[in-house]
Amino acid sequence: MKEIMVAIDGSDGSVAAIDEAVELAAPLGAHITFLSVRKAPSSLLGTPNYECRLARDLGVTRAAVDAALKKARGAGIEARGEMVEGNAVDEILSFADNCGADLIVMGSRGHGALAGAVLGSVSSEVAQHANVPVLVTKQARPRRLQAA
């Protein structure tokens, strides 16, 4: 395995995906590409609201990519970060194919079965249609303290 692609969005699930990818890549000497897909803000917001929303969204996306790169590079792993705009499922699948990913790692947002059925699940769609294996991570749950 030489190339791991990690889809990130700044959520707790994507933080778990970053951690998992770093842990996998280290002993393999694999390269990691972090991909953040964002939806374009509606142009119906009008000027200057559109520009403000766009700048804010880009700042949040850049911060998520920078944090992922810092974690990977801190572990001695070669990594790069990309930001794209569009439909998350389509962009993740296309990017994975184009970058030669051997594995896609992504977090589960944890909306639950009902919300997933109604809203659809990006991770489920990617896992169903990807040409490479997909590892879906869940965010770590806090441990409960047990009475002594």
Protein backbone atom coordinates (compact mmCIF):
# COMPACT_ATOMS: atom_id res chain seq x y z
CA MET A 1 0.00 0.00 0.00
CA LYS A 2 1.55 3.24 -1.16
CA GLU A 3 -1.23 5.86 -1.20
CA ILE A 4 -3.90 6.42 1.43
CA MET A 5 -6.56 9.02 0.74
CA VAL A 6 -8.38 10.46 3.75
CA ALA A 7 -11.64 12.35 3.30
CA ILE A 8 -11.91 15.00 6.01
CA ASP A 9 -14.48 17.58 7.02
CA GLY A 10 -13.35 18.78 10.44
CA SER A 11 -15.83 16.56 12.32
CA ASP A 12 -14.91 14.25 15.20
CA GLY A 13 -15.32 11.34 12.79
CA SER A 14 -12.75 12.79 10.41
CA VAL A 15 -10.31 13.33 13.30
CA ALA A 16 -10.63 9.59 14.00
CA ALA A 17 -10.01 8.91 10.29
CA ILE A 18 -6.86 11.04 10.35
CA ASP A 19 -5.57 9.18 13.41
CA GLU A 20 -6.31 5.80 11.81
CA ALA A 21 -4.63 6.73 8.52
CA VAL A 22 -1.52 8.00 10.29
CA GLU A 23 -1.35 4.78 12.30
CA LEU A 24 -1.70 2.68 9.13
CA ALA A 25 0.71 4.71 7.01
CA ALA A 26 3.62 4.85 9.45
CA PRO A 27 4.74 1.20 9.35
CA LEU A 28 3.96 0.90 5.63
CA GLY A 29 5.82 4.02 4.58
CA ALA A 30 2.69 5.07 2.71
CA HIS A 31 1.91 8.59 1.53
CA ILE A 32 -1.31 10.24 2.71
CA THR A 33 -3.47 12.66 0.75
CA PHE A 34 -6.07 14.53 2.76
CA LEU A 35 -9.10 15.66 0.77
CA SER A 36 -11.71 18.10 2.01
CA VAL A 37 -14.82 18.57 -0.12
CA ARG A 38 -17.04 21.53 0.51
CA LYS A 39 -20.33 22.58 -0.97
CA ALA A 40 -20.41 25.94 -2.69
CA PRO A 41 -22.41 28.55 -0.83
CA SER A 42 -25.60 29.62 -2.53
CA SER A 43 -25.25 32.61 -4.82
CA LEU A 44 -28.75 33.56 -3.68
CA LEU A 45 -27.09 35.03 -0.59
CA GLY A 46 -26.09 37.98 -2.76
CA THR A 47 -23.07 40.19 -2.54
CA PRO A 48 -21.34 40.65 -0.01
CA ASN A 49 -22.95 37.78 1.94
CA TYR A 50 -21.79 35.24 -0.66
CA GLU A 51 -18.18 36.41 -0.43
CA CYS A 52 -18.25 36.42 3.39
CA ARG A 53 -19.68 32.90 3.50
CA LEU A 54 -17.17 31.69 0.91
CA ALA A 55 -14.24 33.18 2.82
CA ARG A 56 -15.46 31.67 6.09
CA ASP A 57 -16.01 28.22 4.53
CA LEU A 58 -12.59 28.27 2.88
CA GLY A 59 -10.96 29.25 6.19
CA VAL A 60 -12.65 26.36 8.03
CA THR A 61 -11.69 23.92 5.28
CA ARG A 62 -8.07 25.14 5.17
CA ALA A 63 -7.80 24.82 8.96
CA ALA A 64 -9.01 21.19 8.83
CA VAL A 65 -6.51 20.32 6.08
CA ASP A 66 -3.65 22.11 7.86
CA ALA A 67 -4.38 20.27 11.14
CA ALA A 68 -4.37 16.92 9.31
CA LEU A 69 -1.09 17.73 7.56
CA LYS A 70 0.50 18.78 10.86
CA LYS A 71 -0.49 15.49 12.50
CA ALA A 72 0.83 13.36 9.61
CA ARG A 73 4.07 15.28 9.20
CA GLY A 74 4.58 15.20 12.97
CA ALA A 75 4.54 11.41 12.69
CA GLY A 76 7.13 11.53 9.89
CA ILE A 77 4.65 10.71 7.12
CA GLU A 78 4.73 12.39 3.72
CA ALA A 79 1.38 14.03 3.13
CA ARG A 80 -0.42 16.57 1.00
CA GLY A 81 -3.76 18.29 1.34
CA GLU A 82 -6.34 19.20 -1.26
CA MET A 83 -9.57 21.16 -1.14
CA VAL A 84 -12.27 20.76 -3.77
CA GLU A 85 -15.81 21.96 -4.24
CA GLY A 86 -18.77 19.84 -5.26
CA ASN A 87 -20.76 16.78 -4.30
CA ALA A 88 -18.84 14.94 -1.57
CA VAL A 89 -19.43 11.40 -2.85
CA ASP A 90 -18.59 12.23 -6.47
CA GLU A 91 -15.49 14.23 -5.58
CA ILE A 92 -14.13 11.62 -3.16
CA LEU A 93 -14.58 8.80 -5.67
CA SER A 94 -13.10 10.78 -8.54
CA PHE A 95 -10.15 12.01 -6.50
CA ALA A 96 -9.38 8.51 -5.20
CA ASP A 97 -9.30 7.18 -8.77
CA ASN A 98 -7.16 10.06 -10.05
CA CYS A 99 -4.59 10.02 -7.24
CA GLY A 100 -4.10 6.26 -7.39
CA ALA A 101 -5.35 5.65 -3.86
CA ASP A 102 -4.93 2.12 -2.54
CA LEU A 103 -7.29 2.83 0.37
CA ILE A 104 -9.87 5.46 1.28
CA VAL A 105 -10.21 6.30 4.98
CA MET A 106 -13.09 8.40 6.21
CA GLY A 107 -15.04 9.03 9.34
CA SER A 108 -18.62 8.21 10.10
CA ARG A 109 -20.70 11.20 11.10
CA GLY A 110 -22.82 8.94 13.29
CA HIS A 111 -26.25 10.27 12.34
CA GLY A 112 -27.85 6.90 13.08
CA ALA A 113 -29.91 4.53 10.95
CA LEU A 114 -32.97 6.72 10.46
CA ALA A 115 -31.08 9.89 9.57
CA GLY A 116 -28.73 7.88 7.36
CA ALA A 117 -31.69 6.39 5.51
CA VAL A 118 -33.38 9.75 5.06
CA LEU A 119 -30.34 11.93 4.41
CA GLY A 120 -28.08 9.32 2.88
CA SER A 121 -24.60 8.61 4.12
CA VAL A 122 -21.50 9.83 2.33
CA SER A 123 -19.41 7.03 3.83
CA SER A 124 -21.96 4.39 2.78
CA GLU A 125 -22.15 5.73 -0.76
CA VAL A 126 -18.37 5.90 -1.07
CA ALA A 127 -17.97 2.37 0.30
CA GLN A 128 -20.57 1.08 -2.16
CA HIS A 129 -19.07 2.68 -5.26
CA ALA A 130 -15.32 2.93 -4.64
CA ASN A 131 -12.85 0.97 -6.75
CA VAL A 132 -10.59 0.44 -3.72
CA PRO A 133 -11.22 -0.64 -0.10
CA VAL A 134 -12.84 1.92 2.18
CA LEU A 135 -12.18 2.07 5.92
CA VAL A 136 -14.88 3.92 7.84
CA THR A 137 -13.86 4.98 11.34
CA LYS A 138 -16.08 6.03 14.20
CA GLN A 139 -15.23 8.81 16.58
CA ALA A 140 -13.83 7.62 19.87
CA ARG A 141 -16.41 7.57 22.62
CA PRO A 142 -15.39 8.90 26.00
CA ARG A 143 -14.80 6.14 28.50
CA ARG A 144 -17.15 6.04 31.40
CA LEU A 145 -15.71 5.96 34.85
CA GLN A 146 -16.83 2.96 36.82
CA ALA A 147 -17.51 3.13 40.50
CA ALA A 148 -14.91 1.37 42.61
